[in-house]
Protein backbone atom coordinates (compact mmCIF):
# COMPACT_ATOMS: atom_id res chain seq x y z
CA MET A 1 -58.19 53.52 10.39
CA GLU A 2 -59.49 53.47 6.82
CA LEU A 3 -62.75 55.97 6.27
CA MET A 4 -65.92 54.33 5.49
CA ILE A 5 -68.61 55.58 3.74
CA GLU A 6 -71.40 55.48 6.47
CA ASP A 7 -68.96 57.31 8.26
CA LEU A 8 -69.42 60.35 5.94
CA MET A 9 -72.98 59.86 5.77
CA GLU A 10 -73.28 60.22 9.41
CA GLU A 11 -71.66 63.55 9.06
CA VAL A 12 -73.76 64.85 6.51
CA ILE A 13 -76.74 63.92 8.55
CA GLU A 14 -75.52 65.50 11.83
CA ARG A 15 -74.58 68.59 10.25
CA GLY A 16 -77.75 68.66 8.52
CA GLY A 17 -76.44 68.73 5.15
CA SER A 18 -77.78 67.89 1.74
CA ASP A 19 -75.44 66.90 -0.37
CA LEU A 20 -71.97 64.72 -0.02
CA HIS A 21 -69.29 64.95 -2.68
CA LEU A 22 -66.56 62.64 -3.33
CA SER A 23 -63.33 63.42 -5.51
CA ALA A 24 -60.06 61.86 -5.74
CA GLY A 25 -57.33 64.56 -5.00
CA LEU A 26 -60.00 66.60 -2.42
CA PRO A 27 -61.23 66.00 0.78
CA PRO A 28 -65.09 65.04 0.96
CA TYR A 29 -67.17 68.08 0.78
CA ILE A 30 -70.66 68.68 2.27
CA ARG A 31 -73.35 71.09 1.32
CA VAL A 32 -75.36 72.70 4.41
CA SER A 33 -78.14 75.37 3.56
CA GLY A 34 -77.13 75.83 0.02
CA HIS A 35 -73.41 76.28 0.99
CA LEU A 36 -70.50 73.97 0.10
CA THR A 37 -67.70 73.50 2.28
CA ALA A 38 -64.78 71.13 2.80
CA THR A 39 -64.96 68.47 5.63
CA GLU A 40 -61.61 68.16 8.06
CA HIS A 41 -60.86 64.70 6.31
CA PRO A 42 -57.55 64.65 4.19
CA PRO A 43 -57.53 64.59 0.48
CA MET A 44 -58.52 61.32 -0.94
CA SER A 45 -56.37 59.16 -3.38
CA SER A 46 -58.28 58.12 -6.54
CA GLU A 47 -57.93 54.43 -5.04
CA GLU A 48 -59.64 55.52 -1.90
CA CYS A 49 -62.31 57.46 -3.58
CA GLN A 50 -63.14 54.43 -5.73
CA ARG A 51 -63.26 52.39 -2.65
CA LEU A 52 -65.53 54.29 -1.11
CA ILE A 53 -67.77 54.69 -4.12
CA PHE A 54 -67.72 50.83 -4.85
CA SER A 55 -68.54 50.08 -1.42
CA MET A 56 -72.17 51.45 -2.01
CA LEU A 57 -72.62 49.24 -5.53
CA ASN A 58 -73.63 45.75 -5.90
CA ASN A 59 -72.20 43.71 -8.87
CA THR A 60 -74.65 44.84 -11.48
CA GLN A 61 -74.44 48.69 -10.78
CA ARG A 62 -70.42 48.28 -10.87
CA LYS A 63 -70.94 46.50 -14.34
CA ASN A 64 -73.18 49.25 -15.39
CA LEU A 65 -71.04 52.04 -14.29
CA GLU A 66 -67.94 50.42 -16.25
CA GLN A 67 -69.82 50.22 -19.11
CA THR A 68 -71.54 53.39 -19.03
CA TRP A 69 -69.32 55.66 -16.78
CA GLU A 70 -72.42 57.00 -15.19
CA LEU A 71 -74.77 55.61 -12.60
CA ASP A 72 -78.07 56.78 -10.68
CA CYS A 73 -78.76 54.67 -7.88
CA SER A 74 -79.67 54.86 -3.90
CA TYR A 75 -78.01 53.70 -0.89
CA GLY A 76 -79.72 53.61 2.51
CA VAL A 77 -78.00 53.14 5.86
CA ARG A 78 -80.28 51.44 8.49
CA GLY A 79 -81.58 53.88 11.13
CA LEU A 80 -79.86 56.58 9.35
CA ALA A 81 -80.98 57.90 5.89
CA ARG A 82 -81.16 56.86 2.43
CA PHE A 83 -79.20 58.82 -0.21
CA ARG A 84 -79.78 59.22 -4.00
CA VAL A 85 -76.29 58.46 -5.49
CA ASN A 86 -74.84 59.86 -8.84
CA VAL A 87 -71.29 58.38 -9.87
CA TYR A 88 -69.48 59.93 -12.65
CA LYS A 89 -66.07 60.13 -14.15
CA ASP A 90 -63.95 63.31 -13.64
CA ARG A 91 -60.48 63.44 -15.54
CA GLY A 92 -59.96 59.55 -15.74
CA THR A 93 -61.19 58.82 -11.98
CA TYR A 94 -64.43 58.21 -10.27
CA ALA A 95 -66.30 60.93 -8.38
CA ALA A 96 -69.75 60.74 -7.03
CA CYS A 97 -72.64 62.92 -5.48
CA LEU A 98 -74.73 61.71 -2.69
CA ARG A 99 -78.22 63.58 -2.02
CA ALA A 100 -79.32 62.77 1.72
CA LEU A 101 -83.08 61.84 1.45
CA SER A 102 -85.22 62.25 4.68
CA SER A 103 -86.24 58.90 5.98
CA LYS A 104 -89.46 60.39 7.20
CA ILE A 105 -91.85 61.76 4.70
CA PRO A 106 -92.84 65.03 5.96
CA LYS A 107 -96.77 65.96 6.22
CA LEU A 108 -97.90 68.85 3.76
CA GLU A 109 -98.44 71.06 6.71
CA VAL A 110 -94.79 70.66 7.91
CA LEU A 111 -93.48 71.78 4.50
CA GLY A 112 -95.67 75.12 5.22
CA LEU A 113 -97.55 74.75 2.05
CA PRO A 114 -100.81 76.46 1.09
CA GLN A 115 -103.80 74.49 1.55
CA ILE A 116 -104.28 74.34 -2.26
CA VAL A 117 -101.65 71.68 -2.29
CA THR A 118 -103.40 69.53 0.03
CA ASP A 119 -106.76 70.05 -2.25
CA LEU A 120 -104.90 69.06 -5.31
CA SER A 121 -103.63 65.54 -3.66
CA GLU A 122 -107.22 64.97 -3.23
CA LYS A 123 -108.32 65.45 -7.07
CA PRO A 124 -109.72 62.13 -8.48
CA ARG A 125 -107.89 62.54 -12.15
CA GLY A 126 -105.65 64.92 -14.20
CA LEU A 127 -102.23 65.79 -14.28
CA VAL A 128 -100.26 67.76 -11.60
CA LEU A 129 -96.80 68.87 -12.32
CA VAL A 130 -94.26 70.10 -9.76
CA THR A 131 -91.34 71.78 -11.36
CA GLY A 132 -88.08 73.54 -10.49
CA PRO A 133 -84.34 73.53 -10.82
CA THR A 134 -82.45 70.72 -9.32
CA GLY A 135 -82.36 70.26 -5.64
CA SER A 136 -85.49 72.79 -5.52
CA GLY A 137 -87.34 70.17 -3.09
CA LYS A 138 -89.65 68.65 -6.05
CA SER A 139 -89.25 65.17 -4.62
CA THR A 140 -90.04 66.19 -1.04
CA THR A 141 -93.08 68.17 -2.22
CA LEU A 142 -94.37 64.96 -4.29
CA ALA A 143 -93.57 62.64 -1.39
CA SER A 144 -96.03 64.55 0.66
CA MET A 145 -98.71 64.59 -1.68
CA ILE A 146 -98.43 60.83 -2.16
CA ASN A 147 -98.36 60.07 1.24
CA ASN A 148 -101.24 62.24 1.96
CA ILE A 149 -103.32 60.01 -0.47
CA ASN A 150 -101.98 57.12 1.04
CA LEU A 151 -103.02 58.03 4.72
CA THR A 152 -106.48 59.39 3.50
CA ARG A 153 -107.68 57.09 0.55
CA ALA A 154 -107.57 53.48 -0.45
CA GLU A 155 -106.09 53.88 -3.93
CA HIS A 156 -103.60 51.93 -6.19
CA ILE A 157 -100.27 54.21 -6.23
CA LEU A 158 -97.88 53.36 -8.55
CA THR A 159 -94.45 55.17 -8.74
CA ILE A 160 -91.85 55.32 -11.45
CA GLU A 161 -88.57 56.71 -10.37
CA ASP A 162 -85.00 57.05 -10.90
CA PRO A 163 -83.71 55.98 -8.28
CA VAL A 164 -86.50 55.20 -5.87
CA GLU A 165 -85.93 58.28 -2.99
CA PHE A 166 -88.65 58.19 -0.35
CA VAL A 167 -89.98 54.40 0.67
CA TYR A 168 -93.75 54.67 1.67
CA GLU A 169 -95.31 52.59 4.08
CA PRO A 170 -98.77 51.79 3.01
CA VAL A 171 -101.41 52.59 5.52
CA LYS A 172 -104.88 53.03 3.13
CA SER A 173 -103.54 52.59 -0.23
CA LEU A 174 -101.53 49.79 -1.94
CA ILE A 175 -98.09 51.05 -3.29
CA HIS A 176 -95.67 49.87 -5.89
CA GLN A 177 -92.39 51.54 -6.25
CA ARG A 178 -90.54 50.70 -9.65
CA GLN A 179 -87.01 51.67 -10.08
CA ILE A 180 -85.62 52.59 -13.42
CA GLY A 181 -82.75 50.28 -14.51
CA GLU A 182 -83.87 47.84 -11.63
CA ASP A 183 -87.78 47.15 -12.15
CA THR A 184 -87.89 48.45 -15.68
CA LYS A 185 -85.86 49.65 -18.40
CA SER A 186 -87.21 53.37 -18.87
CA PHE A 187 -89.87 55.61 -17.98
CA SER A 188 -92.03 55.14 -21.17
CA ASN A 189 -91.72 51.45 -20.71
CA ALA A 190 -93.11 51.58 -17.38
CA LEU A 191 -95.81 54.15 -18.07
CA ARG A 192 -97.28 52.28 -20.98
CA ALA A 193 -97.44 49.00 -18.75
CA ALA A 194 -98.94 51.03 -16.03
CA LEU A 195 -101.99 51.36 -17.73
CA ARG A 196 -102.55 47.46 -17.60
CA GLU A 197 -101.85 47.38 -13.77
CA ASP A 198 -104.93 49.04 -12.58
CA PRO A 199 -103.55 52.23 -10.84
CA ASP A 200 -105.41 54.98 -9.49
CA VAL A 201 -102.57 57.44 -9.03
CA ILE A 202 -99.29 57.37 -11.00
CA LEU A 203 -96.11 59.20 -10.20
CA VAL A 204 -93.65 59.77 -13.05
CA GLY A 205 -90.19 60.82 -11.66
CA GLU A 206 -89.37 62.84 -14.53
CA MET A 207 -90.95 63.74 -17.75
CA ARG A 208 -87.87 64.02 -20.12
CA ASP A 209 -88.94 62.71 -23.74
CA LEU A 210 -91.78 62.94 -26.13
CA GLU A 211 -92.83 59.46 -25.41
CA THR A 212 -93.07 59.77 -21.49
CA ILE A 213 -94.94 63.10 -21.58
CA SER A 214 -97.49 61.91 -24.29
CA LEU A 215 -97.95 58.96 -22.12
CA ALA A 216 -98.44 60.95 -18.87
CA ILE A 217 -101.11 63.10 -20.69
CA SER A 218 -103.03 60.16 -22.00
CA ALA A 219 -102.93 58.59 -18.60
CA ALA A 220 -104.48 61.77 -16.95
CA GLU A 221 -107.03 62.20 -19.82
CA THR A 222 -108.27 58.34 -19.21
CA GLY A 223 -109.23 58.92 -15.40
CA HIS A 224 -105.92 58.59 -13.55
CA LEU A 225 -104.13 60.98 -11.19
CA VAL A 226 -100.75 61.69 -12.59
CA PHE A 227 -98.14 63.58 -10.87
CA GLY A 228 -94.87 64.33 -12.75
CA THR A 229 -91.67 66.69 -12.48
CA LEU A 230 -89.95 68.96 -15.02
CA HIS A 231 -86.94 71.13 -14.68
CA THR A 232 -88.82 74.42 -15.60
CA SER A 233 -88.88 77.91 -13.47
CA SER A 234 -92.48 79.04 -14.19
CA ALA A 235 -95.82 77.51 -15.05
CA ALA A 236 -95.86 79.14 -18.40
CA GLN A 237 -92.66 77.98 -19.19
CA THR A 238 -93.72 74.14 -18.14
CA VAL A 239 -96.88 74.32 -20.58
CA ASP A 240 -94.42 75.42 -23.63
CA ARG A 241 -91.60 72.86 -22.79
CA MET A 242 -94.26 70.18 -22.84
CA VAL A 243 -95.55 71.32 -26.20
CA ASP A 244 -92.39 72.21 -27.81
CA VAL A 245 -91.45 68.54 -27.19
CA PHE A 246 -93.76 67.38 -30.04
CA PRO A 247 -93.25 67.86 -33.71
CA PRO A 248 -95.12 71.19 -35.29
CA ASP A 249 -97.69 69.43 -36.64
CA GLN A 250 -98.88 67.72 -33.37
CA GLN A 251 -98.73 70.54 -31.06
CA THR A 252 -102.10 72.15 -31.45
CA GLN A 253 -103.55 68.70 -30.62
CA VAL A 254 -101.19 68.44 -27.66
CA ARG A 255 -102.32 71.75 -26.30
CA VAL A 256 -106.22 70.56 -26.54
CA GLN A 257 -105.00 67.50 -24.55
CA LEU A 258 -103.16 69.76 -21.97
CA SER A 259 -106.15 72.04 -21.55
CA ASN A 260 -108.30 69.42 -20.69
CA SER A 261 -105.90 67.34 -18.58
CA LEU A 262 -103.73 69.64 -16.79
CA VAL A 263 -104.75 70.39 -13.26
CA ALA A 264 -101.97 72.49 -11.76
CA VAL A 265 -98.16 73.31 -11.73
CA LEU A 266 -96.43 73.98 -9.01
CA SER A 267 -93.20 75.86 -9.62
CA GLN A 268 -90.85 76.09 -6.84
CA THR A 269 -87.08 76.95 -5.64
CA LEU A 270 -85.68 77.17 -2.14
CA VAL A 271 -84.46 80.64 -0.80
CA PRO A 272 -81.87 80.96 2.09
CA LYS A 273 -83.53 82.34 5.43
CA ALA A 274 -82.65 85.81 6.81
CA ASN A 275 -81.77 84.58 10.17
CA PRO A 276 -82.11 80.58 10.46
CA LYS A 277 -82.24 79.29 14.00
CA PRO A 278 -79.09 77.11 15.09
CA GLY A 279 -80.08 73.29 13.94
CA GLU A 280 -82.73 74.80 11.56
CA PHE A 281 -83.08 73.85 7.79
CA GLY A 282 -81.33 77.15 6.50
CA ARG A 283 -83.81 77.28 3.32
CA VAL A 284 -87.39 77.95 2.78
CA MET A 285 -89.43 77.15 -0.03
CA ALA A 286 -91.33 79.56 -2.55
CA GLN A 287 -93.96 78.50 -4.93
CA GLU A 288 -95.66 79.60 -8.09
CA ILE A 289 -99.13 77.87 -8.18
CA MET A 290 -101.14 77.70 -11.43
CA VAL A 291 -104.21 76.20 -10.87
CA VAL A 292 -106.03 75.40 -14.41
CA THR A 293 -109.16 77.46 -14.47
CA PRO A 294 -111.52 77.66 -17.55
CA ALA A 295 -109.87 80.86 -18.42
CA ILE A 296 -106.55 79.55 -18.32
CA SER A 297 -107.45 76.26 -20.12
CA ASN A 298 -108.37 78.37 -23.14
CA LEU A 299 -104.88 80.29 -22.89
CA ILE A 300 -103.23 76.87 -23.17
CA ARG A 301 -105.52 75.59 -25.95
CA GLU A 302 -104.96 78.78 -27.73
CA GLY A 303 -101.32 78.73 -27.23
CA LYS A 304 -101.36 82.26 -25.38
CA THR A 305 -98.94 81.33 -22.69
CA ALA A 306 -97.56 84.68 -22.30
CA GLN A 307 -100.81 85.59 -20.63
CA ILE A 308 -100.81 82.95 -18.07
CA TYR A 309 -98.63 85.00 -15.76
CA GLY A 310 -101.45 87.73 -15.62
CA ALA A 311 -104.19 84.90 -14.98
CA ILE A 312 -102.06 83.60 -11.99
CA GLN A 313 -101.85 87.47 -10.66
CA THR A 314 -105.46 87.70 -10.33
CA GLY A 315 -106.30 84.13 -9.43
CA GLY A 316 -105.95 84.28 -5.53
CA ARG A 317 -109.55 83.11 -4.70
CA VAL A 318 -108.76 79.81 -6.10
CA GLY A 319 -105.43 79.49 -4.81
CA MET A 320 -103.18 80.86 -7.11
CA GLN A 321 -99.83 82.71 -6.50
CA THR A 322 -96.86 84.17 -8.47
CA LEU A 323 -93.83 83.31 -7.24
CA GLU A 324 -92.98 87.27 -6.94
CA MET A 325 -96.29 87.45 -4.61
CA THR A 326 -94.59 84.55 -2.33
CA LEU A 327 -91.21 86.03 -2.60
CA ALA A 328 -92.67 89.67 -1.37
CA ASP A 329 -94.87 88.06 1.29
CA MET A 330 -91.79 86.34 2.83
CA TYR A 331 -89.68 89.41 2.75
CA ARG A 332 -92.40 91.30 4.28
CA LYS A 333 -92.36 88.75 7.31
CA SER A 334 -88.69 88.95 7.55
CA ILE A 335 -88.32 85.06 6.57
CA ILE A 336 -85.95 86.17 3.67
CA ALA A 337 -83.54 89.13 3.01
CA PHE A 338 -84.02 91.14 -0.03
CA ASP A 339 -81.20 90.19 -1.91
CA ALA A 340 -82.23 86.29 -1.48
CA ALA A 341 -85.38 87.34 -3.08
CA MET A 342 -84.24 89.21 -5.80
CA SER A 343 -81.79 86.43 -6.69
CA LYS A 344 -84.69 83.91 -7.29
CA THR A 345 -87.12 86.14 -9.52
CA SER A 346 -86.87 86.49 -13.12
CA ARG A 347 -88.99 89.66 -12.88
CA PRO A 348 -87.28 92.04 -10.30
CA ASP A 349 -89.13 95.45 -11.29
CA GLU A 350 -92.64 93.05 -10.32
CA LEU A 351 -91.18 91.81 -7.11
CA GLN A 352 -89.75 95.46 -6.64
CA ARG A 353 -93.39 96.93 -7.06
CA LEU A 354 -94.74 94.37 -4.57
CA ILE A 355 -92.40 95.21 -1.83
CA GLY A 356 -92.67 98.86 -2.27
CA GLY A 357 -89.56 99.48 -4.10
CA ALA A 358 -86.60 100.32 -1.96
CA PRO A 359 -85.72 97.22 0.81
CA ASN A 360 -86.61 98.86 3.86
CA ALA A 361 -90.21 100.41 2.38
CA ALA A 362 -91.65 96.84 2.56
CA LYS A 363 -91.67 96.48 6.40
CA GLY A 364 -94.59 98.66 6.44
CA ALA A 365 -95.93 98.13 2.89
CA PRO A 366 -99.84 97.78 3.24
CA ALA A 367 -101.51 94.58 2.22
CA ALA A 368 -103.01 96.03 -0.74
CA ALA A 369 -99.30 96.17 -2.21
CA ARG A 370 -99.23 92.18 -2.67
CA HIS A 371 -101.24 92.25 -5.58
């Protein structure tokens, strides 16, 4: 009996996996809790691999793939889950990576996020950025924040995504979701049009070029609440990345705009749990949270991004935390192991200081050591 793509998707969900990889000459691979393992299916021929991939695509998508050799789309199995699909060529044959997307949008409290994240979703305007490497849960955090608005306020929410990941059911809000390649040609096109579509809240799936970043800042300045993502690993790096996209003669002006419109940056990563229970998701989210206070606004305006980390360290009373504070706290609570914490920090000395030096010293570390 020939293998069907739906069977493999079901296997991913049953095993609590996050990704499915299809390649010619190899069995399907599944990533579970960050670890990639081969399934027990036999290696696939290039024909079988292509058959599985093409079974998910419509005629337009097949044509795009044959022209550009790469394709982003989504595919859903009713009653099971939706998957974000990326198809590409590998040594002349088609291969694909499928990311499993939860059919239910988790509430913010279920994600274990601090109260400040809920507070940020209740802001009337400004720019809120969720950043981190690929696969760090940015889409899930943003979906939870957008859905919190949907559950509590009557707003017009407009999302621009590549591809659409979570599908929202309107509760109090009116929601329109636009997919790149199907509903609009590009992020910048959709964002330019968005300002004439009477939105209150705009989600920009990825801020990857000058025009998109510029339009997102302008939208936040003109009274909209704008959410966006970048592939950066800290708040300071996020500010630098946004400014550096612009030509040198525009950077001073952009810093001024950012200092006025940026509300917060959440930089996140997923860390393996020390002792996950059977059937439990094997990773936990760790976040650096920067809330733009008048002091941080000044640092952004003056280009002193190197001092932002210090401002976050002392900003606990307004909900700020460094990644190192979060990792140290999780380690102290035995949620993550010492090596896992160290593998996620770019400031190992600071993390060592917070947890009291040697790994086992942290268990009895006084609360004061956190700061």
